[in-house]
Amino acid sequence: MTTDQAGARIRALEPDDRSKIEQVVRSTGNFNEAEIAVALELVDAAVARGEDSGYVFAVMANADTVLGYACYGQTPMTVGTWDLYWIAVRKTQQGSGCGQRLLRHAEEDVRTRGGRLLLIETSSQESYGATRSFYDRAGYALAATIPEYYKPGDDKLVFLKRL
């Protein structure tokens, strides 16, 4: 757990975080109902089975408010490769450094666990432009593009950082 001067801290997932994480994901305006359902399925799996679920959560909270979170896990059948499955920051906190803190925390945690690569996938849609800029500023390189992966006109972009 880390704490900043404003009292926001990064901690592990707690069972009562589910509704707060849903609020964060919905507040971004980037995710549809199916994507939100998947985000909550991962929360449910992690609450029920802990890290045996394959998902590690880092939650940034200030008092009773979840400001953002990251969800990541080791990629099956690889040596030291990890995926960042979700990183989301409450709309009112975007641009405040919360996302960068969460990402750095996840990177350090992955390093500590023997990780050597961290992969992030995202959409090529215009609405994800700020997300792609965020990854670029954090030192991630575009490693792959899979044309029309999500739907016609929506490519899957895979970003990579060597840890």
Foldseek 3Di string as FASTA:
>chain_A
DDADPQGKDKDWDDPVCLVLALQQVVQLVPDDPVVSVVVSVLSVLCNVPNCVSQKTKIFIDHVPHTQWMWIKGADPPDFQEIETEDTTGRPVCPPVCPRVVRVVVVVVVSVVVVHFKYKYKDKPDPSCPVVVVVCVVSPWDFDDWAAQPPHHPIIITMTMDTD
